[in-house]
Amino acid sequence: MAEVNARLLSPECRLLTLIGAPGIGKTRLAMQAARAVEPSFPDGVCFVPPLIRLRSHWHPAEVASYDRIVARLRETLGDDEFAHAWAEGRAMTLDEAIAEALGNATTQD
């Protein structure tokens, strides 16, 4: 946890990708880190879960909106490893760049 927080707070960090097998705690770690570093990000911290496997239950407008968010993140952050991990449902991203990329998206409290 301390290493994740330190990396998120580093000025050199534009993107932090958590990669691992399903069920090992990526989401929990990402949410704890978001809460811990939120005071350092005055524009807020956003969480965009990788819900690709659940998309069959979504309304088509929700799928399109989600796809636009992910595409914008990938374009803005420009990280091929992130794009690959995200496509496989193995990545979470926490960074102020998310807030910039999402514009008016709802922030996570």
C-alpha atoms as a PDB file:
ATOM      1  CA  MET A   1       0.000   0.000   0.000  1.00  0.00           C
ATOM      2  CA  ALA A   2       2.786   2.418   0.890  1.00  0.00           C
ATOM      3  CA  GLU A   3       4.519   1.762  -2.432  1.00  0.00           C
ATOM      4  CA  VAL A   4       1.307   2.354  -4.401  1.00  0.00           C
ATOM      5  CA  ASN A   5       0.657   5.617  -2.543  1.00  0.00           C
ATOM      6  CA  ALA A   6       4.245   6.796  -3.017  1.00  0.00           C
ATOM      7  CA  ARG A   7       4.086   6.100  -6.744  1.00  0.00           C
ATOM      8  CA  LEU A   8       0.749   7.878  -7.113  1.00  0.00           C
ATOM      9  CA  LEU A   9       2.118  10.942  -5.338  1.00  0.00           C
ATOM     10  CA  SER A  10       5.306  11.047  -7.401  1.00  0.00           C
ATOM     11  CA  PRO A  11       5.312  13.915  -9.951  1.00  0.00           C
ATOM     12  CA  GLU A  12       6.758  11.472 -12.487  1.00  0.00           C
ATOM     13  CA  CYS A  13       3.735   9.169 -12.211  1.00  0.00           C
ATOM     14  CA  ARG A  14       1.192   9.812 -14.948  1.00  0.00           C
ATOM     15  CA  LEU A  15      -0.240   6.313 -14.796  1.00  0.00           C
ATOM     16  CA  LEU A  16      -0.200   3.462 -12.321  1.00  0.00           C
ATOM     17  CA  THR A  17      -1.499   0.119 -13.498  1.00  0.00           C
ATOM     18  CA  LEU A  18      -2.320  -2.686 -11.077  1.00  0.00           C
ATOM     19  CA  ILE A  19      -2.077  -6.003 -12.880  1.00  0.00           C
ATOM     20  CA  GLY A  20      -2.801  -9.439 -11.491  1.00  0.00           C
ATOM     21  CA  ALA A  21      -5.008 -12.486 -11.469  1.00  0.00           C
ATOM     22  CA  PRO A  22      -8.722 -12.091 -10.738  1.00  0.00           C
ATOM     23  CA  GLY A  23      -9.594 -11.999  -7.055  1.00  0.00           C
ATOM     24  CA  ILE A  24      -6.213 -11.009  -5.610  1.00  0.00           C
ATOM     25  CA  GLY A  25      -7.389  -7.595  -4.407  1.00  0.00           C
ATOM     26  CA  LYS A  26      -6.594  -5.094  -7.195  1.00  0.00           C
ATOM     27  CA  THR A  27      -9.897  -3.287  -6.731  1.00  0.00           C
ATOM     28  CA  ARG A  28      -9.595  -3.141  -2.949  1.00  0.00           C
ATOM     29  CA  LEU A  29      -6.014  -1.859  -3.181  1.00  0.00           C
ATOM     30  CA  ALA A  30      -7.013   0.724  -5.803  1.00  0.00           C
ATOM     31  CA  MET A  31      -9.901   2.009  -3.679  1.00  0.00           C
ATOM     32  CA  GLN A  32      -7.776   2.216  -0.514  1.00  0.00           C
ATOM     33  CA  ALA A  33      -5.056   4.056  -2.407  1.00  0.00           C
ATOM     34  CA  ALA A  34      -7.599   6.456  -3.917  1.00  0.00           C
ATOM     35  CA  ARG A  35      -8.903   7.348  -0.477  1.00  0.00           C
ATOM     36  CA  ALA A  36      -5.396   7.761   0.916  1.00  0.00           C
ATOM     37  CA  VAL A  37      -4.099  10.099  -1.803  1.00  0.00           C
ATOM     38  CA  GLU A  38      -7.320  11.990  -2.554  1.00  0.00           C
ATOM     39  CA  PRO A  39      -6.314  15.077  -0.507  1.00  0.00           C
ATOM     40  CA  SER A  40      -3.319  15.513  -2.827  1.00  0.00           C
ATOM     41  CA  PHE A  41      -5.557  15.716  -5.914  1.00  0.00           C
ATOM     42  CA  PRO A  42      -7.728  18.843  -5.658  1.00  0.00           C
ATOM     43  CA  ASP A  43      -9.618  17.898  -8.837  1.00  0.00           C
ATOM     44  CA  GLY A  44     -10.665  14.624  -7.235  1.00  0.00           C
ATOM     45  CA  VAL A  45     -10.018  10.948  -7.799  1.00  0.00           C
ATOM     46  CA  CYS A  46     -12.107   8.878 -10.194  1.00  0.00           C
ATOM     47  CA  PHE A  47     -12.528   5.141 -10.299  1.00  0.00           C
ATOM     48  CA  VAL A  48     -13.477   3.444 -13.564  1.00  0.00           C
ATOM     49  CA  PRO A  49     -13.980  -0.278 -12.938  1.00  0.00           C
ATOM     50  CA  PRO A  50     -13.179  -2.810 -15.656  1.00  0.00           C
ATOM     51  CA  LEU A  51     -16.700  -4.191 -16.033  1.00  0.00           C
ATOM     52  CA  ILE A  52     -16.247  -5.542 -19.532  1.00  0.00           C
ATOM     53  CA  ARG A  53     -17.466  -9.027 -18.578  1.00  0.00           C
ATOM     54  CA  LEU A  54     -20.761  -7.588 -17.308  1.00  0.00           C
ATOM     55  CA  ARG A  55     -21.522  -5.546 -20.420  1.00  0.00           C
ATOM     56  CA  SER A  56     -24.091  -8.032 -21.714  1.00  0.00           C
ATOM     57  CA  HIS A  57     -26.467  -6.683 -19.030  1.00  0.00           C
ATOM     58  CA  TRP A  58     -25.911  -3.029 -19.927  1.00  0.00           C
ATOM     59  CA  HIS A  59     -28.105  -0.734 -21.977  1.00  0.00           C
ATOM     60  CA  PRO A  60     -26.397   0.085 -25.316  1.00  0.00           C
ATOM     61  CA  ALA A  61     -25.952   3.735 -24.256  1.00  0.00           C
ATOM     62  CA  GLU A  62     -24.071   2.596 -21.124  1.00  0.00           C
ATOM     63  CA  VAL A  63     -21.750   0.433 -23.220  1.00  0.00           C
ATOM     64  CA  ALA A  64     -21.065   3.321 -25.623  1.00  0.00           C
ATOM     65  CA  SER A  65     -20.380   5.729 -22.748  1.00  0.00           C
ATOM     66  CA  TYR A  66     -18.049   3.271 -21.048  1.00  0.00           C
ATOM     67  CA  ASP A  67     -16.215   2.603 -24.312  1.00  0.00           C
ATOM     68  CA  ARG A  68     -15.706   6.356 -24.831  1.00  0.00           C
ATOM     69  CA  ILE A  69     -14.289   6.731 -21.310  1.00  0.00           C
ATOM     70  CA  VAL A  70     -11.843   3.861 -21.785  1.00  0.00           C
ATOM     71  CA  ALA A  71     -10.824   5.078 -25.249  1.00  0.00           C
ATOM     72  CA  ARG A  72     -10.217   8.592 -23.898  1.00  0.00           C
ATOM     73  CA  LEU A  73      -8.113   7.224 -21.038  1.00  0.00           C
ATOM     74  CA  ARG A  74      -6.031   5.167 -23.411  1.00  0.00           C
ATOM     75  CA  GLU A  75      -5.583   8.105 -25.781  1.00  0.00           C
ATOM     76  CA  THR A  76      -4.751  10.591 -23.026  1.00  0.00           C
ATOM     77  CA  LEU A  77      -2.397   8.351 -21.100  1.00  0.00           C
ATOM     78  CA  GLY A  78      -0.869   6.641 -24.124  1.00  0.00           C
ATOM     79  CA  ASP A  79       0.274   3.484 -22.386  1.00  0.00           C
ATOM     80  CA  ASP A  80       0.182   0.276 -24.431  1.00  0.00           C
ATOM     81  CA  GLU A  81       0.607  -1.955 -21.380  1.00  0.00           C
ATOM     82  CA  PHE A  82      -2.372  -0.280 -19.729  1.00  0.00           C
ATOM     83  CA  ALA A  83      -4.463  -0.703 -22.867  1.00  0.00           C
ATOM     84  CA  HIS A  84      -3.619  -4.402 -23.071  1.00  0.00           C
ATOM     85  CA  ALA A  85      -4.244  -5.044 -19.368  1.00  0.00           C
ATOM     86  CA  TRP A  86      -7.481  -3.040 -19.443  1.00  0.00           C
ATOM     87  CA  ALA A  87      -8.765  -5.002 -22.435  1.00  0.00           C
ATOM     88  CA  GLU A  88      -8.221  -8.202 -20.463  1.00  0.00           C
ATOM     89  CA  GLY A  89      -9.963  -6.807 -17.364  1.00  0.00           C
ATOM     90  CA  ARG A  90      -6.729  -6.863 -15.350  1.00  0.00           C
ATOM     91  CA  ALA A  91      -6.099  -3.138 -14.747  1.00  0.00           C
ATOM     92  CA  MET A  92      -7.185  -0.326 -12.479  1.00  0.00           C
ATOM     93  CA  THR A  93      -5.989   3.241 -12.921  1.00  0.00           C
ATOM     94  CA  LEU A  94      -5.664   5.989 -10.348  1.00  0.00           C
ATOM     95  CA  ASP A  95      -4.225   9.278 -11.448  1.00  0.00           C
ATOM     96  CA  GLU A  96      -5.166  12.910 -11.819  1.00  0.00           C
ATOM     97  CA  ALA A  97      -5.074  12.316 -15.574  1.00  0.00           C
ATOM     98  CA  ILE A  98      -8.277  10.322 -15.146  1.00  0.00           C
ATOM     99  CA  ALA A  99     -10.076  13.416 -13.901  1.00  0.00           C
ATOM    100  CA  GLU A 100      -8.773  15.360 -16.905  1.00  0.00           C
ATOM    101  CA  ALA A 101      -9.747  12.591 -19.307  1.00  0.00           C
ATOM    102  CA  LEU A 102     -13.245  12.156 -17.911  1.00  0.00           C
ATOM    103  CA  GLY A 103     -14.181  15.815 -17.689  1.00  0.00           C
ATOM    104  CA  ASN A 104     -17.591  15.879 -16.022  1.00  0.00           C
ATOM    105  CA  ALA A 105     -17.644  12.269 -14.805  1.00  0.00           C
ATOM    106  CA  THR A 106     -18.838  11.574 -11.294  1.00  0.00           C
ATOM    107  CA  THR A 107     -16.050  11.312  -8.735  1.00  0.00           C
ATOM    108  CA  GLN A 108     -15.836   8.528  -6.180  1.00  0.00           C
ATOM    109  CA  ASP A 109     -16.214   9.613  -2.523  1.00  0.00           C
END
